[in-house]
Amino acid sequence: MFTATELKNIDQTYFHIINAGFYSVTLQSKNTKHYWHILHQQYPKFSSCKIQHKHHPAYQFHDQGNAPSLQQAIEEIRDHDQYYLHIRLPKKKHLKKSA
């Protein structure tokens, strides 16, 4: 279960918080406009966060990975945003120009 402190520490300058509960968090990145769903999974001896992702509100979420904590899941989302904005997006634009 996510703690109230973890939920309070979500960076609202970076994310739109769509839903934040003790077992799941749904965010939208203000940089890429992508949607993220982080689901807390509790097992007998450990917990994990399942990270899901979608590009558009009408699409379904797909699995993007796992992280050991909410904070680390958010760091992975930020890393994904950096990759998308600085590597994938420029590559897509370059391919369109050369076609």
PDB file of N, CA and C in Angstrom:
ATOM      1  N   MET A   1       0.845  -1.168   0.000  1.00  0.00           N
ATOM      2  CA  MET A   1       0.000   0.000   0.000  1.00  0.00           C
ATOM      3  C   MET A   1       0.900   1.244   0.000  1.00  0.00           C
ATOM      4  N   PHE A   2       0.525   2.230  -0.809  1.00  0.00           N
ATOM      5  CA  PHE A   2       1.268   3.486  -0.822  1.00  0.00           C
ATOM      6  C   PHE A   2       0.923   4.278   0.438  1.00  0.00           C
ATOM      7  N   THR A   3       1.906   4.965   0.974  1.00  0.00           N
ATOM      8  CA  THR A   3       1.653   5.775   2.162  1.00  0.00           C
ATOM      9  C   THR A   3       1.155   7.160   1.759  1.00  0.00           C
ATOM     10  N   ALA A   4       0.550   7.836   2.705  1.00  0.00           N
ATOM     11  CA  ALA A   4       0.086   9.204   2.459  1.00  0.00           C
ATOM     12  C   ALA A   4       1.266  10.104   2.103  1.00  0.00           C
ATOM     13  N   THR A   5       2.424   9.875   2.716  1.00  0.00           N
ATOM     14  CA  THR A   5       3.623  10.671   2.413  1.00  0.00           C
ATOM     15  C   THR A   5       4.077  10.440   0.981  1.00  0.00           C
ATOM     16  N   GLU A   6       4.082   9.188   0.527  1.00  0.00           N
ATOM     17  CA  GLU A   6       4.480   8.901  -0.862  1.00  0.00           C
ATOM     18  C   GLU A   6       3.543   9.602  -1.848  1.00  0.00           C
ATOM     19  N   LEU A   7       2.259   9.540  -1.576  1.00  0.00           N
ATOM     20  CA  LEU A   7       1.288  10.174  -2.473  1.00  0.00           C
ATOM     21  C   LEU A   7       1.442  11.689  -2.466  1.00  0.00           C
ATOM     22  N   LYS A   8       1.713  12.258  -1.300  1.00  0.00           N
ATOM     23  CA  LYS A   8       1.891  13.708  -1.175  1.00  0.00           C
ATOM     24  C   LYS A   8       3.142  14.185  -1.920  1.00  0.00           C
ATOM     25  N   ASN A   9       4.157  13.298  -2.028  1.00  0.00           N
ATOM     26  CA  ASN A   9       5.424  13.677  -2.653  1.00  0.00           C
ATOM     27  C   ASN A   9       5.440  13.551  -4.177  1.00  0.00           C
ATOM     28  N   ILE A  10       4.327  13.199  -4.788  1.00  0.00           N
ATOM     29  CA  ILE A  10       4.274  13.151  -6.251  1.00  0.00           C
ATOM     30  C   ILE A  10       4.410  14.578  -6.776  1.00  0.00           C
ATOM     31  N   ASP A  11       5.340  14.773  -7.684  1.00  0.00           N
ATOM     32  CA  ASP A  11       5.658  16.108  -8.209  1.00  0.00           C
ATOM     33  C   ASP A  11       4.532  16.617  -9.117  1.00  0.00           C
ATOM     34  N   GLN A  12       3.742  17.543  -8.599  1.00  0.00           N
ATOM     35  CA  GLN A  12       2.618  18.079  -9.366  1.00  0.00           C
ATOM     36  C   GLN A  12       3.043  19.119 -10.399  1.00  0.00           C
ATOM     37  N   THR A  13       4.307  19.513 -10.396  1.00  0.00           N
ATOM     38  CA  THR A  13       4.784  20.375 -11.480  1.00  0.00           C
ATOM     39  C   THR A  13       5.127  19.528 -12.704  1.00  0.00           C
ATOM     40  N   TYR A  14       5.349  18.243 -12.495  1.00  0.00           N
ATOM     41  CA  TYR A  14       5.716  17.331 -13.582  1.00  0.00           C
ATOM     42  C   TYR A  14       4.518  16.507 -14.069  1.00  0.00           C
ATOM     43  N   PHE A  15       3.587  16.200 -13.158  1.00  0.00           N
ATOM     44  CA  PHE A  15       2.452  15.327 -13.475  1.00  0.00           C
ATOM     45  C   PHE A  15       1.121  15.992 -13.169  1.00  0.00           C
ATOM     46  N   HIS A  16       0.122  15.647 -13.992  1.00  0.00           N
ATOM     47  CA  HIS A  16      -1.276  15.853 -13.620  1.00  0.00           C
ATOM     48  C   HIS A  16      -1.651  14.590 -12.860  1.00  0.00           C
ATOM     49  N   ILE A  17      -2.152  14.730 -11.654  1.00  0.00           N
ATOM     50  CA  ILE A  17      -2.587  13.567 -10.885  1.00  0.00           C
ATOM     51  C   ILE A  17      -4.054  13.327 -11.199  1.00  0.00           C
ATOM     52  N   ILE A  18      -4.320  12.224 -11.883  1.00  0.00           N
ATOM     53  CA  ILE A  18      -5.683  11.882 -12.257  1.00  0.00           C
ATOM     54  C   ILE A  18      -6.373  11.161 -11.108  1.00  0.00           C
ATOM     55  N   ASN A  19      -5.646  10.248 -10.474  1.00  0.00           N
ATOM     56  CA  ASN A  19      -6.176   9.505  -9.334  1.00  0.00           C
ATOM     57  C   ASN A  19      -5.000   9.071  -8.471  1.00  0.00           C
ATOM     58  N   ALA A  20      -5.118   9.225  -7.176  1.00  0.00           N
ATOM     59  CA  ALA A  20      -4.061   8.781  -6.268  1.00  0.00           C
ATOM     60  C   ALA A  20      -4.707   8.120  -5.060  1.00  0.00           C
ATOM     61  N   GLY A  21      -4.579   6.809  -5.013  1.00  0.00           N
ATOM     62  CA  GLY A  21      -5.128   6.040  -3.897  1.00  0.00           C
ATOM     63  C   GLY A  21      -4.027   5.222  -3.256  1.00  0.00           C
ATOM     64  N   PHE A  22      -4.387   4.480  -2.233  1.00  0.00           N
ATOM     65  CA  PHE A  22      -3.386   3.716  -1.503  1.00  0.00           C
ATOM     66  C   PHE A  22      -2.908   2.478  -2.267  1.00  0.00           C
ATOM     67  N   TYR A  23      -3.646   2.047  -3.303  1.00  0.00           N
ATOM     68  CA  TYR A  23      -3.248   0.854  -4.063  1.00  0.00           C
ATOM     69  C   TYR A  23      -2.939   1.139  -5.527  1.00  0.00           C
ATOM     70  N   SER A  24      -3.299   2.305  -6.013  1.00  0.00           N
ATOM     71  CA  SER A  24      -2.977   2.640  -7.406  1.00  0.00           C
ATOM     72  C   SER A  24      -2.929   4.153  -7.594  1.00  0.00           C
ATOM     73  N   VAL A  25      -2.123   4.554  -8.572  1.00  0.00           N
ATOM     74  CA  VAL A  25      -1.952   5.965  -8.911  1.00  0.00           C
ATOM     75  C   VAL A  25      -2.029   6.078 -10.426  1.00  0.00           C
ATOM     76  N   THR A  26      -2.782   7.046 -10.910  1.00  0.00           N
ATOM     77  CA  THR A  26      -2.846   7.317 -12.343  1.00  0.00           C
ATOM     78  C   THR A  26      -2.395   8.752 -12.567  1.00  0.00           C
ATOM     79  N   LEU A  27      -1.417   8.903 -13.457  1.00  0.00           N
ATOM     80  CA  LEU A  27      -0.792  10.194 -13.715  1.00  0.00           C
ATOM     81  C   LEU A  27      -0.776  10.485 -15.207  1.00  0.00           C
ATOM     82  N   GLN A  28      -0.648  11.757 -15.549  1.00  0.00           N
ATOM     83  CA  GLN A  28      -0.363  12.163 -16.920  1.00  0.00           C
ATOM     84  C   GLN A  28       0.879  13.037 -16.882  1.00  0.00           C
ATOM     85  N   SER A  29       1.853  12.679 -17.695  1.00  0.00           N
ATOM     86  CA  SER A  29       3.066  13.484 -17.790  1.00  0.00           C
ATOM     87  C   SER A  29       2.734  14.788 -18.503  1.00  0.00           C
ATOM     88  N   LYS A  30       3.131  15.894 -17.923  1.00  0.00           N
ATOM     89  CA  LYS A  30       2.917  17.191 -18.570  1.00  0.00           C
ATOM     90  C   LYS A  30       3.870  17.380 -19.751  1.00  0.00           C
ATOM     91  N   ASN A  31       4.950  16.603 -19.801  1.00  0.00           N
ATOM     92  CA  ASN A  31       5.929  16.732 -20.885  1.00  0.00           C
ATOM     93  C   ASN A  31       5.518  15.987 -22.146  1.00  0.00           C
ATOM     94  N   THR A  32       5.091  14.744 -21.993  1.00  0.00           N
ATOM     95  CA  THR A  32       4.761  13.928 -23.169  1.00  0.00           C
ATOM     96  C   THR A  32       3.264  13.778 -23.378  1.00  0.00           C
ATOM     97  N   LYS A  33       2.477  14.121 -22.372  1.00  0.00           N
ATOM     98  CA  LYS A  33       1.025  13.928 -22.345  1.00  0.00           C
ATOM     99  C   LYS A  33       0.640  12.458 -22.266  1.00  0.00           C
ATOM    100  N   HIS A  34       1.599  11.549 -22.018  1.00  0.00           N
ATOM    101  CA  HIS A  34       1.315  10.131 -21.872  1.00  0.00           C
ATOM    102  C   HIS A  34       0.691   9.871 -20.504  1.00  0.00           C
ATOM    103  N   TYR A  35      -0.077   8.799 -20.438  1.00  0.00           N
ATOM    104  CA  TYR A  35      -0.754   8.407 -19.212  1.00  0.00           C
ATOM    105  C   TYR A  35      -0.031   7.220 -18.577  1.00  0.00           C
ATOM    106  N   TRP A  36      -0.005   7.207 -17.261  1.00  0.00           N
ATOM    107  CA  TRP A  36       0.701   6.180 -16.500  1.00  0.00           C
ATOM    108  C   TRP A  36      -0.178   5.704 -15.360  1.00  0.00           C
ATOM    109  N   HIS A  37      -0.188   4.386 -15.169  1.00  0.00           N
ATOM    110  CA  HIS A  37      -0.931   3.787 -14.063  1.00  0.00           C
ATOM    111  C   HIS A  37       0.063   2.938 -13.277  1.00  0.00           C
ATOM    112  N   ILE A  38       0.173   3.206 -11.989  1.00  0.00           N
ATOM    113  CA  ILE A  38       1.093   2.473 -11.121  1.00  0.00           C
ATOM    114  C   ILE A  38       0.248   1.722 -10.101  1.00  0.00           C
ATOM    115  N   LEU A  39       0.378   0.414 -10.122  1.00  0.00           N
ATOM    116  CA  LEU A  39      -0.428  -0.454  -9.274  1.00  0.00           C
ATOM    117  C   LEU A  39       0.456  -1.081  -8.202  1.00  0.00           C
ATOM    118  N   HIS A  40       0.096  -0.898  -6.948  1.00  0.00           N
ATOM    119  CA  HIS A  40       0.851  -1.495  -5.841  1.00  0.00           C
ATOM    120  C   HIS A  40       0.454  -2.965  -5.729  1.00  0.00           C
ATOM    121  N   GLN A  41       1.454  -3.846  -5.741  1.00  0.00           N
ATOM    122  CA  GLN A  41       1.211  -5.276  -5.601  1.00  0.00           C
ATOM    123  C   GLN A  41       1.920  -5.764  -4.341  1.00  0.00           C
ATOM    124  N   GLN A  42       1.171  -6.388  -3.464  1.00  0.00           N
ATOM    125  CA  GLN A  42       1.731  -6.860  -2.197  1.00  0.00           C
ATOM    126  C   GLN A  42       1.799  -8.382  -2.216  1.00  0.00           C
ATOM    127  N   TYR A  43       2.950  -8.899  -1.912  1.00  0.00           N
ATOM    128  CA  TYR A  43       3.174 -10.337  -1.825  1.00  0.00           C
ATOM    129  C   TYR A  43       3.539 -10.667  -0.386  1.00  0.00           C
ATOM    130  N   PRO A  44       3.565 -11.948  -0.018  1.00  0.00           N
ATOM    131  CA  PRO A  44       3.859 -12.282   1.387  1.00  0.00           C
ATOM    132  C   PRO A  44       5.175 -11.706   1.914  1.00  0.00           C
ATOM    133  N   LYS A  45       6.217 -11.656   1.101  1.00  0.00           N
ATOM    134  CA  LYS A  45       7.513 -11.214   1.623  1.00  0.00           C
ATOM    135  C   LYS A  45       8.068  -9.961   0.956  1.00  0.00           C
ATOM    136  N   PHE A  46       7.366  -9.410  -0.021  1.00  0.00           N
ATOM    137  CA  PHE A  46       7.842  -8.192  -0.677  1.00  0.00           C
ATOM    138  C   PHE A  46       6.684  -7.501  -1.386  1.00  0.00           C
ATOM    139  N   SER A  47       6.905  -6.269  -1.790  1.00  0.00           N
ATOM    140  CA  SER A  47       5.915  -5.543  -2.584  1.00  0.00           C
ATOM    141  C   SER A  47       6.580  -5.039  -3.846  1.00  0.00           C
ATOM    142  N   SER A  48       5.760  -4.728  -4.822  1.00  0.00           N
ATOM    143  CA  SER A  48       6.252  -4.270  -6.119  1.00  0.00           C
ATOM    144  C   SER A  48       5.236  -3.307  -6.711  1.00  0.00           C
ATOM    145  N   CYS A  49       5.683  -2.510  -7.652  1.00  0.00           N
ATOM    146  CA  CYS A  49       4.797  -1.602  -8.375  1.00  0.00           C
ATOM    147  C   CYS A  49       4.793  -2.010  -9.841  1.00  0.00           C
ATOM    148  N   LYS A  50       3.622  -2.290 -10.349  1.00  0.00           N
ATOM    149  CA  LYS A  50       3.450  -2.589 -11.773  1.00  0.00           C
ATOM    150  C   LYS A  50       3.194  -1.262 -12.481  1.00  0.00           C
ATOM    151  N   ILE A  51       3.966  -0.998 -13.531  1.00  0.00           N
ATOM    152  CA  ILE A  51       3.850   0.262 -14.265  1.00  0.00           C
ATOM    153  C   ILE A  51       3.163  -0.016 -15.599  1.00  0.00           C
ATOM    154  N   GLN A  52       2.093   0.721 -15.866  1.00  0.00           N
ATOM    155  CA  GLN A  52       1.379   0.604 -17.136  1.00  0.00           C
ATOM    156  C   GLN A  52       1.363   1.971 -17.813  1.00  0.00           C
ATOM    157  N   HIS A  53       1.186   1.954 -19.143  1.00  0.00           N
ATOM    158  CA  HIS A  53       1.402   3.157 -19.946  1.00  0.00           C
ATOM    159  C   HIS A  53       0.434   3.181 -21.117  1.00  0.00           C
ATOM    160  N   LYS A  54       0.041   4.375 -21.524  1.00  0.00           N
ATOM    161  CA  LYS A  54      -0.699   4.556 -22.777  1.00  0.00           C
ATOM    162  C   LYS A  54      -0.425   5.954 -23.299  1.00  0.00           C
ATOM    163  N   HIS A  55      -0.562   6.139 -24.604  1.00  0.00           N
ATOM    164  CA  HIS A  55      -0.263   7.409 -25.243  1.00  0.00           C
ATOM    165  C   HIS A  55      -1.471   8.335 -25.348  1.00  0.00           C
ATOM    166  N   HIS A  56      -2.661   7.792 -25.301  1.00  0.00           N
ATOM    167  CA  HIS A  56      -3.873   8.563 -25.539  1.00  0.00           C
ATOM    168  C   HIS A  56      -4.960   8.070 -24.595  1.00  0.00           C
ATOM    169  N   PRO A  57      -5.832   8.951 -24.120  1.00  0.00           N
ATOM    170  CA  PRO A  57      -6.845   8.518 -23.158  1.00  0.00           C
ATOM    171  C   PRO A  57      -7.769   7.414 -23.675  1.00  0.00           C
ATOM    172  N   ALA A  58      -7.997   7.335 -24.972  1.00  0.00           N
ATOM    173  CA  ALA A  58      -8.899   6.318 -25.523  1.00  0.00           C
ATOM    174  C   ALA A  58      -8.239   4.937 -25.639  1.00  0.00           C
ATOM    175  N   TYR A  59      -6.926   4.889 -25.571  1.00  0.00           N
ATOM    176  CA  TYR A  59      -6.212   3.610 -25.686  1.00  0.00           C
ATOM    177  C   TYR A  59      -6.281   2.845 -24.369  1.00  0.00           C
ATOM    178  N   GLN A  60      -5.946   1.553 -24.442  1.00  0.00           N
ATOM    179  CA  GLN A  60      -5.847   0.745 -23.234  1.00  0.00           C
ATOM    180  C   GLN A  60      -4.414   0.807 -22.708  1.00  0.00           C
ATOM    181  N   PHE A  61      -4.271   0.669 -21.399  1.00  0.00           N
ATOM    182  CA  PHE A  61      -2.934   0.610 -20.807  1.00  0.00           C
ATOM    183  C   PHE A  61      -2.247  -0.685 -21.222  1.00  0.00           C
ATOM    184  N   HIS A  62      -0.935  -0.623 -21.414  1.00  0.00           N
ATOM    185  CA  HIS A  62      -0.127  -1.815 -21.622  1.00  0.00           C
ATOM    186  C   HIS A  62       0.977  -1.838 -20.562  1.00  0.00           C
ATOM    187  N   ASP A  63       1.456  -3.020 -20.238  1.00  0.00           N
ATOM    188  CA  ASP A  63       2.495  -3.145 -19.223  1.00  0.00           C
ATOM    189  C   ASP A  63       3.782  -2.505 -19.712  1.00  0.00           C
ATOM    190  N   GLN A  64       4.403  -1.731 -18.835  1.00  0.00           N
ATOM    191  CA  GLN A  64       5.651  -1.047 -19.169  1.00  0.00           C
ATOM    192  C   GLN A  64       6.806  -1.530 -18.305  1.00  0.00           C
ATOM    193  N   GLY A  65       6.515  -2.143 -17.179  1.00  0.00           N
ATOM    194  CA  GLY A  65       7.590  -2.641 -16.327  1.00  0.00           C
ATOM    195  C   GLY A  65       7.181  -2.717 -14.875  1.00  0.00           C
ATOM    196  N   ASN A  66       8.179  -2.913 -14.033  1.00  0.00           N
ATOM    197  CA  ASN A  66       7.975  -3.006 -12.590  1.00  0.00           C
ATOM    198  C   ASN A  66       9.035  -2.186 -11.881  1.00  0.00           C
ATOM    199  N   ALA A  67       8.716  -1.785 -10.671  1.00  0.00           N
ATOM    200  CA  ALA A  67       9.673  -1.056  -9.829  1.00  0.00           C
ATOM    201  C   ALA A  67       9.408  -1.453  -8.379  1.00  0.00           C
ATOM    202  N   PRO A  68      10.425  -1.383  -7.551  1.00  0.00           N
ATOM    203  CA  PRO A  68      10.237  -1.778  -6.159  1.00  0.00           C
ATOM    204  C   PRO A  68       9.465  -0.772  -5.293  1.00  0.00           C
ATOM    205  N   SER A  69       9.320   0.468  -5.752  1.00  0.00           N
ATOM    206  CA  SER A  69       8.620   1.483  -4.951  1.00  0.00           C
ATOM    207  C   SER A  69       7.957   2.499  -5.868  1.00  0.00           C
ATOM    208  N   LEU A  70       7.058   3.280  -5.309  1.00  0.00           N
ATOM    209  CA  LEU A  70       6.391   4.341  -6.067  1.00  0.00           C
ATOM    210  C   LEU A  70       7.414   5.348  -6.586  1.00  0.00           C
ATOM    211  N   GLN A  71       8.341   5.756  -5.730  1.00  0.00           N
ATOM    212  CA  GLN A  71       9.354   6.731  -6.140  1.00  0.00           C
ATOM    213  C   GLN A  71      10.194   6.212  -7.301  1.00  0.00           C
ATOM    214  N   GLN A  72      10.572   4.946  -7.263  1.00  0.00           N
ATOM    215  CA  GLN A  72      11.370   4.392  -8.356  1.00  0.00           C
ATOM    216  C   GLN A  72      10.532   4.230  -9.629  1.00  0.00           C
ATOM    217  N   ALA A  73       9.242   3.941  -9.482  1.00  0.00           N
ATOM    218  CA  ALA A  73       8.359   3.878 -10.646  1.00  0.00           C
ATOM    219  C   ALA A  73       8.284   5.251 -11.314  1.00  0.00           C
ATOM    220  N   ILE A  74       8.171   6.296 -10.511  1.00  0.00           N
ATOM    221  CA  ILE A  74       8.123   7.659 -11.044  1.00  0.00           C
ATOM    222  C   ILE A  74       9.439   8.022 -11.734  1.00  0.00           C
ATOM    223  N   GLU A  75      10.554   7.582 -11.183  1.00  0.00           N
ATOM    224  CA  GLU A  75      11.848   7.819 -11.834  1.00  0.00           C
ATOM    225  C   GLU A  75      11.910   7.112 -13.191  1.00  0.00           C
ATOM    226  N   GLU A  76      11.362   5.894 -13.274  1.00  0.00           N
ATOM    227  CA  GLU A  76      11.333   5.193 -14.561  1.00  0.00           C
ATOM    228  C   GLU A  76      10.462   5.922 -15.571  1.00  0.00           C
ATOM    229  N   ILE A  77       9.369   6.508 -15.119  1.00  0.00           N
ATOM    230  CA  ILE A  77       8.501   7.294 -16.007  1.00  0.00           C
ATOM    231  C   ILE A  77       9.260   8.513 -16.524  1.00  0.00           C
ATOM    232  N   ARG A  78       9.965   9.190 -15.654  1.00  0.00           N
ATOM    233  CA  ARG A  78      10.772  10.350 -16.079  1.00  0.00           C
ATOM    234  C   ARG A  78      11.846   9.934 -17.087  1.00  0.00           C
ATOM    235  N   ASP A  79      12.493   8.785 -16.841  1.00  0.00           N
ATOM    236  CA  ASP A  79      13.488   8.272 -17.791  1.00  0.00           C
ATOM    237  C   ASP A  79      12.843   7.980 -19.141  1.00  0.00           C
ATOM    238  N   HIS A  80      11.635   7.404 -19.107  1.00  0.00           N
ATOM    239  CA  HIS A  80      10.919   7.123 -20.356  1.00  0.00           C
ATOM    240  C   HIS A  80      10.612   8.424 -21.091  1.00  0.00           C
ATOM    241  N   ASP A  81      10.176   9.443 -20.366  1.00  0.00           N
ATOM    242  CA  ASP A  81       9.895  10.741 -20.986  1.00  0.00           C
ATOM    243  C   ASP A  81      11.145  11.309 -21.663  1.00  0.00           C
ATOM    244  N   GLN A  82      12.277  11.222 -20.995  1.00  0.00           N
ATOM    245  CA  GLN A  82      13.528  11.724 -21.576  1.00  0.00           C
ATOM    246  C   GLN A  82      13.862  10.974 -22.858  1.00  0.00           C
ATOM    247  N   TYR A  83      13.734   9.659 -22.820  1.00  0.00           N
ATOM    248  CA  TYR A  83      13.984   8.848 -24.014  1.00  0.00           C
ATOM    249  C   TYR A  83      13.022   9.259 -25.130  1.00  0.00           C
ATOM    250  N   TYR A  84      11.739   9.355 -24.802  1.00  0.00           N
ATOM    251  CA  TYR A  84      10.739   9.665 -25.820  1.00  0.00           C
ATOM    252  C   TYR A  84      10.977  11.044 -26.438  1.00  0.00           C
ATOM    253  N   LEU A  85      11.255  12.036 -25.602  1.00  0.00           N
ATOM    254  CA  LEU A  85      11.401  13.406 -26.092  1.00  0.00           C
ATOM    255  C   LEU A  85      12.723  13.656 -26.817  1.00  0.00           C
ATOM    256  N   HIS A  86      13.797  12.994 -26.386  1.00  0.00           N
ATOM    257  CA  HIS A  86      15.114  13.327 -26.919  1.00  0.00           C
ATOM    258  C   HIS A  86      15.693  12.293 -27.872  1.00  0.00           C
ATOM    259  N   ILE A  87      15.126  11.100 -27.920  1.00  0.00           N
ATOM    260  CA  ILE A  87      15.650  10.076 -28.832  1.00  0.00           C
ATOM    261  C   ILE A  87      14.572   9.604 -29.800  1.00  0.00           C
ATOM    262  N   ARG A  88      13.459   9.118 -29.269  1.00  0.00           N
ATOM    263  CA  ARG A  88      12.437   8.533 -30.145  1.00  0.00           C
ATOM    264  C   ARG A  88      11.733   9.579 -31.002  1.00  0.00           C
ATOM    265  N   LEU A  89      11.279  10.650 -30.408  1.00  0.00           N
ATOM    266  CA  LEU A  89      10.547  11.675 -31.149  1.00  0.00           C
ATOM    267  C   LEU A  89      11.410  12.325 -32.231  1.00  0.00           C
ATOM    268  N   PRO A  90      12.646  12.741 -31.935  1.00  0.00           N
ATOM    269  CA  PRO A  90      13.482  13.308 -33.001  1.00  0.00           C
ATOM    270  C   PRO A  90      13.758  12.295 -34.129  1.00  0.00           C
ATOM    271  N   LYS A  91      13.904  11.031 -33.778  1.00  0.00           N
ATOM    272  CA  LYS A  91      14.141   9.992 -34.789  1.00  0.00           C
ATOM    273  C   LYS A  91      12.921   9.855 -35.696  1.00  0.00           C
ATOM    274  N   LYS A  92      11.696   9.880 -35.110  1.00  0.00           N
ATOM    275  CA  LYS A  92      10.477   9.785 -35.888  1.00  0.00           C
ATOM    276  C   LYS A  92      10.344  10.991 -36.838  1.00  0.00           C
ATOM    277  N   LYS A  93      10.679  12.184 -36.340  1.00  0.00           N
ATOM    278  CA  LYS A  93      10.602  13.385 -37.177  1.00  0.00           C
ATOM    279  C   LYS A  93      11.604  13.299 -38.326  1.00  0.00           C
ATOM    280  N   HIS A  94      12.804  12.779 -38.047  1.00  0.00           N
ATOM    281  CA  HIS A  94      13.826  12.638 -39.076  1.00  0.00           C
ATOM    282  C   HIS A  94      13.382  11.643 -40.148  1.00  0.00           C
ATOM    283  N   LEU A  95      12.768  10.559 -39.760  1.00  0.00           N
ATOM    284  CA  LEU A  95      12.283   9.557 -40.714  1.00  0.00           C
ATOM    285  C   LEU A  95      11.188  10.126 -41.597  1.00  0.00           C
ATOM    286  N   LYS A  96      10.314  10.959 -41.063  1.00  0.00           N
ATOM    287  CA  LYS A  96       9.245  11.571 -41.855  1.00  0.00           C
ATOM    288  C   LYS A  96       9.809  12.531 -42.900  1.00  0.00           C
ATOM    289  N   LYS A  97      10.861  13.275 -42.532  1.00  0.00           N
ATOM    290  CA  LYS A  97      11.471  14.227 -43.466  1.00  0.00           C
ATOM    291  C   LYS A  97      12.132  13.516 -44.638  1.00  0.00           C
ATOM    292  N   SER A  98      12.750  12.353 -44.385  1.00  0.00           N
ATOM    293  CA  SER A  98      13.473  11.664 -45.435  1.00  0.00           C
ATOM    294  C   SER A  98      12.573  10.795 -46.296  1.00  0.00           C
ATOM    295  N   ALA A  99      11.312  10.633 -45.929  1.00  0.00           N
ATOM    296  CA  ALA A  99      10.395   9.784 -46.712  1.00  0.00           C
ATOM    297  C   ALA A  99       9.842  10.508 -47.907  1.00  0.00           C
TER     298      ALA A  99
END
